[in-house]
N, C-alpha and C. Protein backbone atom coordinates (compact mmCIF):
# COMPACT_ATOMS: atom_id res chain seq x y z
N UNK A 1 69.08 48.96 103.89
CA UNK A 1 69.89 49.88 104.14
C UNK A 1 71.46 50.34 103.67
N UNK A 2 71.74 49.38 103.31
CA UNK A 2 73.44 49.44 103.01
C UNK A 2 72.94 48.99 101.24
N UNK A 3 72.50 49.07 100.43
CA UNK A 3 72.16 49.31 98.99
C UNK A 3 71.75 50.69 99.10
N UNK A 4 71.37 51.40 99.85
CA UNK A 4 71.03 52.71 99.53
C UNK A 4 72.01 53.98 99.87
N UNK A 5 72.72 53.75 100.76
CA UNK A 5 74.25 54.38 100.93
C UNK A 5 75.13 53.93 100.20
N UNK A 6 74.82 53.27 99.32
CA UNK A 6 76.17 52.88 98.48
C UNK A 6 76.49 54.18 97.29
N UNK A 7 77.73 54.64 97.75
CA UNK A 7 78.34 55.46 96.45
C UNK A 7 77.97 57.18 97.44
N UNK A 8 77.50 56.62 98.43
CA UNK A 8 77.33 58.54 99.03
C UNK A 8 78.16 58.70 99.94
N UNK A 9 78.92 59.80 100.16
CA UNK A 9 79.79 60.15 101.05
C UNK A 9 79.35 60.54 101.97
N UNK A 10 79.92 61.04 103.04
CA UNK A 10 79.60 61.61 104.28
C UNK A 10 79.73 62.92 104.05
N UNK A 11 78.47 63.95 104.15
CA UNK A 11 78.54 65.19 104.13
C UNK A 11 78.10 65.86 102.50
N UNK A 12 77.98 64.83 101.83
CA UNK A 12 77.65 64.85 100.43
C UNK A 12 76.04 65.29 100.34
N UNK A 13 75.16 65.47 101.51
CA UNK A 13 73.70 65.54 101.23
C UNK A 13 73.67 66.73 100.79
N UNK A 14 72.95 67.51 99.73
CA UNK A 14 72.83 68.80 99.09
C UNK A 14 71.79 69.24 100.14
N UNK A 15 70.72 68.64 100.81
CA UNK A 15 69.68 68.77 101.27
C UNK A 15 70.18 69.52 102.66
N UNK A 16 71.39 68.91 103.07
CA UNK A 16 71.71 69.79 104.49
C UNK A 16 72.41 70.98 104.59
N UNK A 17 72.79 71.48 103.58
CA UNK A 17 73.82 72.76 103.44
C UNK A 17 72.98 73.90 103.52
N UNK A 18 73.65 74.73 104.21
CA UNK A 18 73.10 76.13 104.73
C UNK A 18 73.62 77.07 103.31
N UNK A 19 72.86 77.86 102.66
CA UNK A 19 73.08 78.76 101.68
C UNK A 19 72.50 80.11 102.33
N UNK A 20 73.50 81.28 102.22
CA UNK A 20 73.45 82.48 102.48
C UNK A 20 72.98 82.88 101.48
N UNK A 21 72.10 84.17 101.52
CA UNK A 21 71.77 84.74 100.34
C UNK A 21 72.54 85.96 100.21
N UNK A 22 73.50 86.12 99.33
CA UNK A 22 74.38 87.39 99.43
C UNK A 22 73.81 88.88 99.73
N UNK A 23 72.47 88.94 99.29
CA UNK A 23 71.78 90.00 98.92
C UNK A 23 71.14 90.50 100.48
N UNK A 24 70.92 89.64 101.40
CA UNK A 24 70.40 89.82 102.86
C UNK A 24 71.77 90.45 103.63
N UNK A 25 72.54 89.89 103.34
CA UNK A 25 73.98 90.27 103.89
C UNK A 25 74.39 91.50 103.13
N UNK A 26 74.43 91.97 102.66
CA UNK A 26 74.82 93.09 101.41
C UNK A 26 73.43 94.28 102.26
N UNK A 27 72.28 94.06 102.53
CA UNK A 27 71.64 94.97 103.06
C UNK A 27 71.99 94.81 104.28
N UNK A 28 71.91 94.18 104.94
CA UNK A 28 72.35 94.25 106.46
C UNK A 28 73.40 94.94 106.66
N UNK A 29 74.61 94.96 106.05
CA UNK A 29 75.85 95.67 106.32
C UNK A 29 75.87 97.20 106.01
N UNK A 30 74.65 97.18 105.09
CA UNK A 30 74.26 98.82 104.34
C UNK A 30 74.12 99.23 105.56
N UNK A 31 72.88 98.76 106.27
CA UNK A 31 71.77 98.90 107.57
C UNK A 31 72.81 99.30 108.24
N UNK A 32 73.83 98.73 108.86
CA UNK A 32 74.47 98.52 109.99
C UNK A 32 75.56 100.03 109.68
N UNK A 33 76.25 100.19 108.64
CA UNK A 33 76.91 101.50 108.51
C UNK A 33 76.06 102.43 108.71
N UNK A 34 74.86 102.33 108.21
CA UNK A 34 73.74 103.45 108.07
C UNK A 34 73.53 103.77 109.69
N UNK A 35 73.56 103.12 110.25
CA UNK A 35 73.50 103.38 111.56
C UNK A 35 74.61 103.72 112.26
N UNK A 36 75.79 103.34 112.03
CA UNK A 36 77.14 103.74 112.79
C UNK A 36 77.58 105.14 112.36
N UNK A 37 76.97 105.39 111.44
CA UNK A 37 77.36 107.21 110.61
C UNK A 37 76.27 108.17 111.21
N UNK A 38 74.99 107.30 111.70
CA UNK A 38 74.16 108.48 112.63
C UNK A 38 74.80 108.60 113.80
N UNK A 39 74.92 107.32 114.51
CA UNK A 39 75.19 107.67 115.55
C UNK A 39 76.87 108.21 115.91
N UNK A 40 77.39 108.28 115.14
CA UNK A 40 78.96 108.99 114.90
C UNK A 40 78.50 110.69 115.11
N UNK A 41 77.56 110.81 113.87
CA UNK A 41 77.48 111.91 113.59
C UNK A 41 76.37 112.95 115.04
N UNK A 42 75.87 112.11 115.43
CA UNK A 42 74.90 112.68 116.44
C UNK A 42 76.13 112.98 117.47
N UNK A 43 77.07 112.00 118.43
CA UNK A 43 77.79 112.14 118.97
C UNK A 43 78.78 113.32 118.76
N UNK A 44 79.32 113.66 117.73
CA UNK A 44 80.09 114.58 117.19
C UNK A 44 79.28 115.74 117.40
N UNK A 45 77.75 116.14 116.86
CA UNK A 45 77.17 117.11 117.06
C UNK A 45 77.05 117.54 118.43
N UNK A 46 76.73 116.43 119.24
CA UNK A 46 76.53 117.07 120.54
C UNK A 46 78.16 117.14 121.38
N UNK A 47 79.03 116.75 120.82
CA UNK A 47 80.44 117.07 121.43
C UNK A 47 80.97 118.57 121.12
N UNK A 48 80.53 119.07 119.91
CA UNK A 48 80.61 120.22 119.60
C UNK A 48 79.70 121.68 120.08
N UNK A 49 78.22 120.90 120.41
CA UNK A 49 77.48 121.87 121.24
C UNK A 49 78.25 122.10 122.54
N UNK A 50 78.96 121.14 123.33
CA UNK A 50 79.25 121.58 124.64
C UNK A 50 80.64 122.60 124.79
N UNK A 51 81.45 122.18 123.58
CA UNK A 51 82.68 123.40 123.57
C UNK A 51 81.98 124.66 124.11
N UNK A 52 83.39 125.18 124.72
CA UNK A 52 83.06 126.99 124.69
C UNK A 52 82.97 127.51 123.68
N UNK A 53 82.64 128.59 124.04
CA UNK A 53 82.42 129.76 122.03
C UNK A 53 83.52 130.32 122.56
N UNK A 54 84.75 130.82 121.18
CA UNK A 54 85.84 131.65 121.81
C UNK A 54 85.47 132.91 121.67
N UNK A 55 85.92 133.78 122.33
CA UNK A 55 85.52 135.42 121.87
C UNK A 55 86.35 135.99 120.59
N UNK A 56 85.76 136.88 120.22
CA UNK A 56 86.20 137.22 118.63
C UNK A 56 87.33 138.17 118.82
N UNK A 57 87.65 138.66 120.05
CA UNK A 57 88.69 139.77 120.27
C UNK A 57 89.73 138.24 120.18
N UNK A 58 89.77 136.98 120.87
CA UNK A 58 91.02 136.20 121.14
C UNK A 58 91.16 135.64 119.93
N UNK A 59 90.66 135.39 118.95
CA UNK A 59 90.87 134.78 117.88
C UNK A 59 92.10 135.55 117.03
N UNK A 60 92.30 136.93 116.87
CA UNK A 60 93.30 137.67 116.26
C UNK A 60 94.84 137.72 116.92
N UNK A 61 94.61 137.44 118.25
CA UNK A 61 95.86 137.54 118.95
C UNK A 61 96.97 136.75 119.00
N UNK A 62 96.60 135.27 118.29
CA UNK A 62 97.58 134.26 118.35
C UNK A 62 98.57 134.66 118.09
């Protein structure tokens, strides 16, 4: 057992490292930004639909 561990540092096992795929992270961030954009547009449109209309005669009186 002692001879097998000779020269090996703690945490130097390359099989134990976790590697993230940058493409997966980029795709997830792109999908998240699209979802946020869709939700923002939905609430903006629903807010604008609830606003009262301004009569044309009031527009020019400012």
